[in-house]
N, C-alpha and C. Protein backbone atom coordinates (compact mmCIF):
# COMPACT_ATOMS: atom_id res chain seq x y z
N MET A 1 -5.26 13.52 -21.09
CA MET A 1 -5.72 12.36 -20.48
C MET A 1 -7.02 12.37 -20.00
N LYS A 2 -7.49 11.34 -20.04
CA LYS A 2 -9.17 11.26 -19.19
C LYS A 2 -8.51 11.10 -17.78
N LYS A 3 -9.09 11.54 -16.87
CA LYS A 3 -9.29 11.25 -15.53
C LYS A 3 -9.97 10.23 -14.98
N THR A 4 -10.33 8.86 -15.82
CA THR A 4 -11.06 8.21 -15.31
C THR A 4 -9.79 7.19 -14.44
N PRO A 5 -8.88 6.72 -14.91
CA PRO A 5 -8.06 6.47 -14.28
C PRO A 5 -7.53 6.63 -12.87
N LEU A 6 -7.45 7.77 -12.98
CA LEU A 6 -6.94 8.44 -11.73
C LEU A 6 -8.15 8.33 -10.78
N ILE A 7 -9.08 8.61 -11.10
CA ILE A 7 -10.64 8.70 -10.02
C ILE A 7 -10.63 6.93 -9.65
N ALA A 8 -10.60 6.18 -10.44
CA ALA A 8 -10.48 4.62 -10.29
C ALA A 8 -9.43 4.39 -9.42
N ASN A 9 -8.51 4.64 -9.23
CA ASN A 9 -7.21 4.40 -8.75
C ASN A 9 -7.75 5.39 -6.93
N PHE A 10 -8.09 6.28 -7.24
CA PHE A 10 -8.74 7.13 -6.02
C PHE A 10 -9.51 6.39 -5.33
N VAL A 11 -10.82 6.05 -5.97
CA VAL A 11 -11.95 5.25 -5.27
C VAL A 11 -11.36 3.65 -4.87
N LEU A 12 -10.25 3.12 -5.51
CA LEU A 12 -9.64 2.00 -4.97
C LEU A 12 -9.24 1.85 -3.78
N TRP A 13 -8.19 2.93 -3.31
CA TRP A 13 -7.26 3.15 -2.42
C TRP A 13 -7.78 3.81 -0.90
N ALA A 14 -8.99 4.45 -1.49
CA ALA A 14 -9.47 5.30 -0.52
C ALA A 14 -10.98 3.94 0.07
N ILE A 15 -11.13 3.00 -0.65
CA ILE A 15 -12.18 2.02 -0.06
C ILE A 15 -10.77 0.97 0.64
N VAL A 16 -9.74 0.68 0.32
CA VAL A 16 -8.86 -0.33 1.04
C VAL A 16 -8.27 0.59 2.21
N THR A 17 -8.49 1.79 2.40
CA THR A 17 -8.05 2.58 3.39
C THR A 17 -9.01 2.40 4.36
N VAL A 18 -9.91 3.11 4.13
CA VAL A 18 -11.22 2.75 5.17
C VAL A 18 -11.14 1.28 5.60
N LEU A 19 -11.50 0.33 4.93
CA LEU A 19 -11.25 -1.01 5.18
C LEU A 19 -10.14 -1.70 6.25
N CYS A 20 -9.03 -0.86 6.20
CA CYS A 20 -7.73 -1.36 7.18
C CYS A 20 -8.08 -0.70 8.41
N CYS A 21 -8.57 0.43 8.25
CA CYS A 21 -8.70 1.44 9.02
C CYS A 21 -9.56 0.87 10.20
N ALA A 22 -10.86 0.29 9.59
CA ALA A 22 -12.14 -0.17 10.12
C ALA A 22 -11.56 -1.19 11.05
N PHE A 23 -10.98 -2.17 9.93
CA PHE A 23 -10.43 -3.68 10.78
C PHE A 23 -9.51 -3.17 11.94
N LEU A 24 -8.70 -2.39 11.64
CA LEU A 24 -7.62 -1.64 12.96
C LEU A 24 -8.19 -1.31 14.05
N ALA A 25 -9.35 -0.52 14.09
CA ALA A 25 -10.41 -0.06 14.94
C ALA A 25 -10.81 -1.40 15.73
N TRP A 26 -11.39 -2.09 14.77
CA TRP A 26 -12.37 -3.49 15.43
C TRP A 26 -11.33 -4.08 16.38
N TYR A 27 -9.84 -4.28 15.80
CA TYR A 27 -9.37 -5.12 16.38
C TYR A 27 -8.81 -4.77 17.94
N HIS A 28 -8.46 -3.35 17.67
CA HIS A 28 -8.01 -2.97 18.92
C HIS A 28 -8.40 -2.33 19.85
N LEU A 29 -9.95 -2.06 19.38
CA LEU A 29 -11.00 -1.31 20.53
C LEU A 29 -11.89 -2.59 20.70
N GLY A 30 -11.90 -3.63 20.40
CA GLY A 30 -12.74 -4.78 20.27
C GLY A 30 -12.75 -5.08 22.18
N GLY A 31 -13.86 -6.18 22.10
CA GLY A 31 -13.92 -6.57 23.63
C GLY A 31 -12.59 -7.07 24.66
N SER A 32 -12.79 -8.18 24.51
CA SER A 32 -12.02 -8.58 25.34
C SER A 32 -10.55 -9.11 25.06
N THR A 33 -9.34 -9.43 25.64
CA THR A 33 -8.09 -10.25 24.85
C THR A 33 -8.35 -11.42 24.42
N GLY A 34 -9.64 -12.41 24.70
CA GLY A 34 -9.69 -13.59 24.25
C GLY A 34 -10.23 -13.59 23.01
N GLU A 35 -11.11 -12.42 22.72
CA GLU A 35 -11.51 -12.02 21.16
C GLU A 35 -10.34 -11.87 20.55
N SER A 36 -9.65 -10.98 20.56
CA SER A 36 -8.34 -10.64 20.11
C SER A 36 -7.50 -12.09 19.53
N GLN A 37 -7.16 -12.97 20.65
CA GLN A 37 -6.78 -14.14 20.21
C GLN A 37 -6.91 -14.96 19.42
N THR A 38 -8.64 -14.80 19.64
CA THR A 38 -9.29 -15.97 18.54
C THR A 38 -9.53 -15.25 17.13
N ILE A 39 -9.20 -14.17 16.92
CA ILE A 39 -9.15 -13.17 15.74
C ILE A 39 -8.07 -14.01 15.03
N ALA A 40 -6.78 -13.70 16.37
CA ALA A 40 -5.21 -13.69 15.45
C ALA A 40 -4.95 -15.57 15.20
N THR A 41 -5.93 -16.00 15.54
CA THR A 41 -5.68 -17.31 14.79
C THR A 41 -6.13 -17.81 13.80
N THR A 42 -6.94 -17.17 12.88
CA THR A 42 -7.12 -17.37 11.73
C THR A 42 -6.50 -16.77 10.56
N ALA A 43 -6.76 -17.35 9.46
CA ALA A 43 -5.61 -16.94 8.62
C ALA A 43 -6.16 -15.84 8.28
N PRO A 44 -7.35 -15.06 8.01
CA PRO A 44 -7.52 -13.88 7.61
C PRO A 44 -7.59 -12.80 8.80
N GLY A 45 -7.65 -13.28 9.81
CA GLY A 45 -7.25 -12.48 10.85
C GLY A 45 -5.52 -12.26 10.86
N ARG A 46 -4.88 -13.38 10.91
CA ARG A 46 -3.64 -12.87 10.98
C ARG A 46 -2.83 -12.03 9.97
N ILE A 47 -3.50 -11.98 8.49
CA ILE A 47 -3.08 -11.43 7.64
C ILE A 47 -3.34 -9.95 7.82
N GLY A 48 -4.57 -9.86 8.30
CA GLY A 48 -5.30 -8.67 8.93
C GLY A 48 -4.07 -7.86 9.93
N VAL A 49 -4.11 -8.81 10.93
CA VAL A 49 -3.26 -8.11 11.90
C VAL A 49 -1.76 -7.69 11.58
N THR A 50 -1.50 -8.73 10.68
CA THR A 50 0.11 -8.32 10.09
C THR A 50 0.13 -7.15 9.33
N LEU A 51 -0.85 -7.19 8.19
CA LEU A 51 -0.73 -6.15 7.02
C LEU A 51 -1.38 -5.04 7.32
N ALA A 52 -2.56 -4.84 7.96
CA ALA A 52 -3.42 -3.88 7.91
C ALA A 52 -2.82 -2.76 8.26
N ALA A 53 -1.85 -2.22 8.96
CA ALA A 53 -1.56 -1.07 9.34
C ALA A 53 -0.26 -0.36 8.25
N PRO A 54 0.48 -1.43 7.76
CA PRO A 54 1.26 -1.10 6.46
C PRO A 54 0.77 -1.02 4.92
N VAL A 55 -0.55 -1.85 5.13
CA VAL A 55 -1.60 -1.43 3.64
C VAL A 55 -2.41 0.03 4.15
N LEU A 56 -2.52 0.38 5.09
CA LEU A 56 -3.21 1.71 5.67
C LEU A 56 -2.54 2.77 5.23
N LEU A 57 -1.05 2.79 5.67
CA LEU A 57 0.05 3.75 5.52
C LEU A 57 -0.06 3.95 3.62
N TYR A 58 0.36 2.79 3.15
CA TYR A 58 0.52 2.89 1.86
C TYR A 58 -0.89 3.28 0.88
N GLY A 59 -1.82 3.11 1.47
CA GLY A 59 -3.24 3.52 0.88
C GLY A 59 -3.36 5.07 0.99
N LEU A 60 -2.90 5.43 2.58
CA LEU A 60 -2.88 7.23 2.85
C LEU A 60 -2.05 7.88 1.94
N GLY A 61 -0.66 7.12 1.51
CA GLY A 61 0.25 7.73 0.49
C GLY A 61 -0.69 7.97 -0.84
N ALA A 62 -1.16 7.25 -1.37
CA ALA A 62 -1.43 6.83 -2.32
C ALA A 62 -2.55 7.59 -2.71
N VAL A 63 -3.63 7.99 -1.67
CA VAL A 63 -4.71 8.70 -1.95
C VAL A 63 -4.23 10.10 -1.85
N ILE A 64 -3.50 10.37 -0.94
CA ILE A 64 -3.26 12.21 -0.89
C ILE A 64 -2.07 12.20 -2.24
N GLY A 65 -1.51 11.53 -2.76
CA GLY A 65 -0.69 11.57 -4.11
C GLY A 65 -1.72 11.69 -5.04
N LEU A 66 -2.48 10.85 -5.27
CA LEU A 66 -3.33 11.05 -6.45
C LEU A 66 -4.63 12.07 -6.29
N LEU A 67 -4.89 12.51 -5.04
CA LEU A 67 -5.79 14.05 -4.72
C LEU A 67 -4.60 15.17 -5.49
N VAL A 68 -3.69 15.21 -5.45
CA VAL A 68 -2.66 16.11 -5.46
C VAL A 68 -2.47 16.17 -7.01
N ILE A 69 -2.42 14.88 -7.45
CA ILE A 69 -2.26 14.72 -9.22
C ILE A 69 -3.50 15.54 -9.67
N ILE A 70 -4.71 15.00 -9.10
CA ILE A 70 -5.96 15.16 -9.73
C ILE A 70 -6.11 16.74 -9.98
N TYR A 71 -5.71 17.32 -8.32
CA TYR A 71 -6.30 18.88 -8.49
C TYR A 71 -5.22 19.74 -9.27
N LYS A 72 -3.95 19.58 -8.86
CA LYS A 72 -3.14 20.29 -9.35
C LYS A 72 -2.70 19.78 -11.23
N ARG A 73 -3.40 19.11 -11.43
CA ARG A 73 -3.14 18.42 -12.85
C ARG A 73 -1.65 18.69 -13.38
N ILE A 74 -0.97 17.68 -12.56
CA ILE A 74 0.30 17.11 -12.72
C ILE A 74 0.40 16.25 -13.69
N ALA A 75 1.43 16.29 -14.84
CA ALA A 75 1.95 15.81 -15.84
C ALA A 75 3.39 15.32 -15.44
N ILE A 76 3.54 13.90 -16.08
CA ILE A 76 5.04 13.60 -15.79
C ILE A 76 5.69 13.07 -16.99
N SER A 77 7.27 12.88 -17.16
CA SER A 77 7.57 12.33 -18.15
C SER A 77 7.65 10.87 -18.01
N PRO A 78 7.60 10.03 -18.87
CA PRO A 78 7.38 8.74 -19.25
C PRO A 78 8.73 7.99 -18.30
N ARG A 79 9.60 8.56 -18.16
CA ARG A 79 10.55 7.88 -17.63
C ARG A 79 10.16 7.83 -15.97
N ILE A 80 9.85 9.05 -15.36
CA ILE A 80 9.62 9.03 -13.86
C ILE A 80 8.73 8.21 -13.76
N LYS A 81 7.34 7.95 -14.65
CA LYS A 81 6.10 7.78 -14.41
C LYS A 81 6.64 5.91 -14.34
N THR A 82 7.47 5.38 -15.16
CA THR A 82 7.73 4.10 -15.21
C THR A 82 8.23 3.82 -13.69
N GLY A 83 9.27 4.62 -13.24
CA GLY A 83 10.13 4.52 -11.91
C GLY A 83 9.16 4.42 -11.22
N CYS A 84 8.45 5.20 -10.86
CA CYS A 84 7.36 5.53 -9.80
C CYS A 84 6.65 3.92 -9.66
N ARG A 85 5.96 3.76 -11.05
CA ARG A 85 5.22 2.38 -10.98
C ARG A 85 5.92 1.64 -10.66
N ILE A 86 7.10 1.10 -10.96
CA ILE A 86 7.72 -0.25 -10.43
C ILE A 86 7.98 0.09 -9.42
N ALA A 87 8.80 1.29 -8.69
CA ALA A 87 8.72 1.32 -6.89
C ALA A 87 7.40 0.92 -6.22
N GLY A 88 6.25 1.46 -6.65
CA GLY A 88 4.96 1.40 -6.01
C GLY A 88 4.71 -0.41 -6.10
N VAL A 89 4.98 -1.09 -6.74
CA VAL A 89 4.41 -2.23 -7.49
C VAL A 89 5.59 -3.23 -6.92
N LEU A 90 6.93 -2.85 -6.69
CA LEU A 90 7.55 -3.49 -5.96
C LEU A 90 6.96 -3.73 -4.35
N MET A 91 6.42 -2.68 -3.91
CA MET A 91 6.29 -2.56 -2.39
C MET A 91 5.08 -3.33 -2.18
N LEU A 92 4.11 -3.31 -3.23
CA LEU A 92 2.82 -4.29 -3.34
C LEU A 92 3.54 -5.97 -3.34
N ALA A 93 4.27 -6.19 -3.89
CA ALA A 93 4.82 -7.23 -3.97
C ALA A 93 5.41 -7.60 -2.84
N LEU A 94 5.98 -6.92 -1.84
CA LEU A 94 6.53 -7.10 -0.79
C LEU A 94 5.59 -7.32 0.09
N PHE A 95 4.25 -6.75 0.13
CA PHE A 95 3.13 -6.69 0.99
C PHE A 95 2.69 -8.56 1.04
N VAL A 96 2.48 -8.90 -0.64
CA VAL A 96 2.35 -10.27 -0.91
C VAL A 96 2.90 -11.30 -0.26
N ALA A 97 4.53 -10.66 -0.33
CA ALA A 97 5.54 -11.89 0.34
C ALA A 97 5.40 -11.87 1.70
N ALA A 98 5.04 -10.80 2.32
CA ALA A 98 5.09 -10.74 3.43
C ALA A 98 3.63 -11.41 4.21
N ALA A 99 2.72 -11.85 3.50
CA ALA A 99 1.42 -12.27 3.46
C ALA A 99 1.08 -13.79 3.77
N ILE A 100 2.66 -14.42 2.90
CA ILE A 100 2.65 -15.96 2.44
C ILE A 100 3.03 -16.59 4.00
N PRO A 101 4.06 -16.31 4.84
CA PRO A 101 4.43 -17.04 5.89
C PRO A 101 3.28 -16.81 6.66
N VAL A 102 2.60 -15.73 6.78
CA VAL A 102 1.40 -15.72 7.73
C VAL A 102 0.18 -16.89 7.76
N VAL A 103 0.16 -16.92 6.40
CA VAL A 103 -1.23 -18.00 6.32
C VAL A 103 -0.46 -19.05 6.08
N ILE A 104 0.59 -19.37 5.80
CA ILE A 104 0.92 -21.02 5.89
C ILE A 104 1.27 -21.27 7.33
N GLY A 105 1.64 -20.14 8.30
CA GLY A 105 2.03 -20.45 9.91
C GLY A 105 3.12 -21.56 10.05
N GLY A 106 4.00 -20.95 10.81
CA GLY A 106 4.95 -21.83 11.62
C GLY A 106 6.11 -21.91 10.80
N ILE A 107 6.28 -21.21 9.59
CA ILE A 107 7.24 -20.95 8.41
C ILE A 107 8.33 -19.81 9.48
N GLU A 108 9.61 -20.54 9.35
CA GLU A 108 10.65 -19.45 10.00
C GLU A 108 11.40 -19.69 9.31
N GLY A 109 12.37 -18.69 9.35
CA GLY A 109 13.87 -18.43 8.18
C GLY A 109 13.86 -17.21 7.39
N GLU A 110 13.74 -17.58 6.14
CA GLU A 110 14.01 -16.79 4.78
C GLU A 110 12.55 -15.96 4.49
N LEU A 111 11.70 -17.38 4.42
CA LEU A 111 10.43 -16.91 4.15
C LEU A 111 9.69 -15.76 5.26
N ALA A 112 9.98 -16.17 6.26
CA ALA A 112 9.70 -14.47 7.11
C ALA A 112 10.47 -13.49 6.90
N LEU A 113 11.38 -13.56 6.26
CA LEU A 113 11.80 -12.32 6.27
C LEU A 113 11.13 -11.07 5.60
N PRO A 114 10.33 -11.19 4.65
CA PRO A 114 9.25 -10.21 4.17
C PRO A 114 8.59 -9.67 5.26
N THR A 115 7.70 -10.39 6.22
CA THR A 115 7.09 -10.14 7.00
C THR A 115 7.71 -9.41 8.33
N VAL A 116 8.74 -9.68 8.51
CA VAL A 116 9.93 -8.72 9.45
C VAL A 116 9.86 -7.59 8.67
N ILE A 117 10.48 -7.35 7.62
CA ILE A 117 10.51 -6.04 7.04
C ILE A 117 9.69 -4.95 6.98
N VAL A 118 8.54 -5.68 6.32
CA VAL A 118 7.03 -4.73 6.47
C VAL A 118 6.38 -4.59 7.88
N VAL A 119 6.68 -5.16 8.76
CA VAL A 119 6.09 -4.98 10.10
C VAL A 119 6.88 -3.92 10.82
N TYR A 120 8.49 -4.71 10.62
CA TYR A 120 9.34 -3.27 11.45
C TYR A 120 8.93 -1.88 10.73
N SER A 121 9.07 -2.14 9.34
CA SER A 121 8.85 -0.69 8.60
C SER A 121 7.89 0.43 9.06
N ALA A 122 6.43 -0.62 9.23
CA ALA A 122 5.34 -0.06 9.69
C ALA A 122 5.75 0.62 10.91
N MET A 123 6.32 0.17 11.66
CA MET A 123 6.63 0.67 13.31
C MET A 123 7.79 1.71 13.20
N ALA A 124 8.65 1.54 12.70
CA ALA A 124 10.24 2.37 12.84
C ALA A 124 9.91 3.50 11.27
N ALA A 125 9.52 3.42 10.49
CA ALA A 125 9.46 4.32 9.44
C ALA A 125 8.14 4.12 8.62
N PRO A 126 6.98 4.67 9.15
CA PRO A 126 5.82 4.82 8.53
C PRO A 126 5.96 5.76 7.21
N LEU A 127 6.54 6.89 7.22
CA LEU A 127 6.51 7.56 6.33
C LEU A 127 7.06 6.90 4.59
N LEU A 128 7.87 6.35 5.09
CA LEU A 128 8.96 5.32 3.80
C LEU A 128 7.70 4.63 3.17
N ILE A 129 6.77 3.80 4.07
CA ILE A 129 5.45 3.12 2.96
C ILE A 129 4.46 4.03 2.64
N MET A 130 4.62 5.45 3.17
CA MET A 130 3.20 6.11 3.02
C MET A 130 4.06 6.97 1.08
N ALA A 131 5.71 7.18 1.27
CA ALA A 131 6.31 7.32 0.32
C ALA A 131 6.22 6.44 -0.93
N PHE A 132 6.34 5.43 -0.79
CA PHE A 132 6.00 4.40 -1.63
C PHE A 132 4.42 4.12 -2.10
N GLY A 133 3.59 4.72 -1.53
CA GLY A 133 2.28 4.93 -1.79
C GLY A 133 1.98 6.15 -2.91
N VAL A 134 2.85 7.35 -2.28
CA VAL A 134 2.66 8.23 -3.43
C VAL A 134 3.33 8.00 -4.55
N CYS A 135 4.52 7.01 -5.00
CA CYS A 135 5.23 6.72 -5.92
C CYS A 135 3.86 5.70 -6.66
N TRP A 136 3.58 4.96 -5.98
CA TRP A 136 2.25 4.89 -7.04
C TRP A 136 1.52 5.89 -7.51
N ALA A 137 0.97 6.58 -7.13
CA ALA A 137 0.42 7.87 -7.83
C ALA A 137 0.61 8.45 -8.57
N ILE A 138 1.94 8.63 -8.45
CA ILE A 138 3.06 9.63 -9.34
C ILE A 138 3.24 8.25 -10.59
N GLY A 139 2.99 7.22 -10.28
CA GLY A 139 2.97 6.37 -11.42
C GLY A 139 1.75 6.27 -12.51
N CYS A 140 0.63 6.68 -11.66
CA CYS A 140 -0.86 6.79 -12.16
C CYS A 140 -1.16 8.13 -12.82
N ALA A 141 0.01 8.90 -13.09
CA ALA A 141 -0.39 10.56 -13.51
C ALA A 141 0.00 10.51 -14.73
N PRO A 142 -0.72 11.36 -15.63
CA PRO A 142 -0.75 11.57 -16.84
C PRO A 142 0.85 11.89 -17.49
N VAL A 143 0.68 11.61 -18.79
CA VAL A 143 2.18 12.04 -19.14
C VAL A 143 2.31 13.04 -20.05
N ASP A 144 3.17 14.01 -19.42
CA ASP A 144 3.59 15.09 -20.63
C ASP A 144 4.08 15.10 -22.05
N GLU A 145 3.36 15.47 -22.84
CA GLU A 145 4.00 15.57 -24.26
C GLU A 145 5.04 15.98 -24.45
N LYS A 146 4.83 17.28 -23.98
CA LYS A 146 6.23 17.72 -24.32
C LYS A 146 7.51 17.12 -23.70
N ARG A 147 7.27 16.36 -22.64
CA ARG A 147 8.64 16.24 -22.11
C ARG A 147 8.35 14.27 -22.44
N SER A 148 8.11 13.98 -23.18
CA SER A 148 8.11 12.72 -23.54
C SER A 148 9.34 12.40 -24.53
N ASP A 149 10.04 11.40 -24.09
CA ASP A 149 11.57 10.94 -25.00
C ASP A 149 11.02 10.29 -25.82
N GLY A 150 11.02 11.01 -27.01
CA GLY A 150 11.08 10.33 -28.17
C GLY A 150 12.36 8.60 -28.34
N ALA A 151 13.02 9.57 -28.05
CA ALA A 151 14.34 8.82 -28.16
C ALA A 151 14.80 7.98 -27.34
N ALA A 152 15.51 7.07 -27.32
CA ALA A 152 15.57 6.00 -26.38
C ALA A 152 17.06 6.61 -25.63
């Protein structure tokens, strides 16, 4: 298998990780409290404040996983690849679901649940989010032809 998809995924997640890190540094190390409150009143600012840390953790997991896969030349079975890709995509879908109430604003109840899950897990269990990033990376790994299950 060509390494082009792995390199493209690595570059994408490296850029996302750097952007999230830059946003968090800018937001937390910025000037006054009033400036931070002004940022938090805009929709992109609210999304950044809510999702920058979890996406940064996910991106770090993906970058580390992709580096290991690229340099160790890891190949996996198709079932593991599919399972890990599904887990990684589900976490990304949870990030999108967490952004919806932040954008709309003022929504309470069931729609706020994904936001609470993402923000709380970023504070309480950051390695869990990184593990989902590693799952994304494993889902990008090449398939080992010797382990490929021809039969269902």
